[in-house]
Amino acid sequence: MTIAYDPERNRFNMPTDAGDAYVTIRWDGDVMILPHAEVPSALRGTGAGARLATGVFEQIEAMGIKARPTCPFLVKVAKSDPRWQDLFGL
C-alpha cells in the first residue's frame, strides 16, 4: 500500500479497497503534529493502522522534519519501536 503526503489536505493518505486510511496533520511552527489516524472499519484489526503509522513515520524521517504524534494510536505504535521513539523523543 502506498502512502502519500498531501499537504493541500493536511494529511498522509493510504488508499485501500475499503476506502482511504489517513493521518491528519497540523503545524505548530516548524513541528508537524499528528493528531488523528483513521482506518476504514473493514480494516480495523488487520494491521492496516500499524502499516499506515509506520509508513507515515518513515516519510517524516525521510523529510527530515520535526514531528510529534498526539493521536493515542500513533503514540502507541511509535513507542513500540526504538527507531520511532528516537525520532519523536518518546
Protein backbone atom coordinates (compact mmCIF):
# COMPACT_ATOMS: atom_id res chain seq x y z
CA MET A 1 0.00 0.00 0.00
CA THR A 2 1.30 3.41 -0.98
CA ILE A 3 1.16 6.31 1.43
CA ALA A 4 1.25 9.81 0.01
CA TYR A 5 1.78 13.12 1.77
CA ASP A 6 -0.98 15.51 0.71
CA PRO A 7 -0.12 18.98 2.07
CA GLU A 8 -3.20 20.55 0.46
CA ARG A 9 -5.47 18.26 2.52
CA ASN A 10 -3.21 18.32 5.59
CA ARG A 11 -2.81 14.59 5.75
CA PHE A 12 -0.97 11.45 4.74
CA ASN A 13 -3.25 9.22 2.68
CA MET A 14 -3.21 5.46 2.06
CA PRO A 15 -5.82 4.32 -0.49
CA THR A 16 -7.25 0.83 0.13
CA ASP A 17 -10.01 -1.25 -1.42
CA ALA A 18 -12.12 -0.47 1.66
CA GLY A 19 -11.58 3.31 1.40
CA ASP A 20 -8.84 5.71 2.39
CA ALA A 21 -6.84 5.32 5.57
CA TYR A 22 -5.17 8.54 6.65
CA VAL A 23 -3.29 10.51 9.27
CA THR A 24 -4.25 14.16 9.66
CA ILE A 25 -1.61 16.77 10.34
CA ARG A 26 -1.35 20.34 11.51
CA TRP A 27 1.63 22.58 12.03
CA ASP A 28 2.83 24.17 15.24
CA GLY A 29 5.59 26.41 13.93
CA ASP A 30 8.06 24.05 12.28
CA VAL A 31 6.74 20.94 14.06
CA MET A 32 4.28 18.64 12.29
CA ILE A 33 1.61 17.49 14.75
CA LEU A 34 -0.13 14.15 14.08
CA PRO A 35 -3.47 14.40 15.93
CA HIS A 36 -5.56 11.69 14.29
CA ALA A 37 -5.33 8.40 12.38
CA GLU A 38 -8.31 6.82 10.66
CA VAL A 39 -8.64 3.39 9.08
CA PRO A 40 -11.79 2.12 7.34
CA SER A 41 -13.83 -0.03 9.74
CA ALA A 42 -13.44 -3.07 7.46
CA LEU A 43 -9.67 -2.94 8.01
CA ARG A 44 -9.62 -2.49 11.77
CA GLY A 45 -7.75 -5.28 13.50
CA THR A 46 -5.90 -6.28 10.32
CA GLY A 47 -2.66 -4.39 10.96
CA ALA A 48 -3.52 -1.72 8.39
CA GLY A 49 -3.30 1.01 11.04
CA ALA A 50 0.18 -0.07 12.07
CA ARG A 51 1.28 -0.18 8.42
CA LEU A 52 -0.16 3.30 7.91
CA ALA A 53 1.60 4.65 11.01
CA THR A 54 4.94 3.07 10.10
CA GLY A 55 4.73 4.38 6.54
CA VAL A 56 3.96 7.89 7.77
CA PHE A 57 6.82 7.73 10.27
CA GLU A 58 9.21 6.61 7.51
CA GLN A 59 8.17 9.55 5.34
CA ILE A 60 8.59 12.02 8.20
CA GLU A 61 12.04 10.59 8.89
CA ALA A 62 12.98 10.93 5.19
CA MET A 63 11.62 14.51 5.11
CA GLY A 64 13.95 15.41 7.97
CA ILE A 65 11.31 17.43 9.81
CA LYS A 66 10.34 17.61 13.45
CA ALA A 67 7.07 15.86 14.25
CA ARG A 68 5.03 14.92 17.30
CA PRO A 69 2.28 12.28 17.34
CA THR A 70 -0.58 13.19 19.69
CA CYS A 71 -3.06 10.55 18.50
CA PRO A 72 -3.05 7.78 21.14
CA PHE A 73 -2.81 5.06 18.48
CA LEU A 74 0.15 6.73 16.75
CA VAL A 75 1.90 7.23 20.09
CA LYS A 76 1.37 3.52 20.89
CA VAL A 77 2.90 2.46 17.56
CA ALA A 78 5.79 4.91 17.96
CA LYS A 79 6.56 3.61 21.46
CA SER A 80 6.70 0.03 20.17
CA ASP A 81 9.90 0.61 18.16
CA PRO A 82 13.14 2.28 19.36
CA ARG A 83 13.59 3.85 15.91
CA TRP A 84 10.36 5.83 16.29
CA GLN A 85 10.96 6.52 19.97
CA ASP A 86 14.19 8.26 18.95
CA LEU A 87 12.55 10.10 16.04
CA PHE A 88 9.83 11.55 18.24
CA GLY A 89 11.75 11.81 21.52
CA LEU A 90 9.46 9.37 23.33
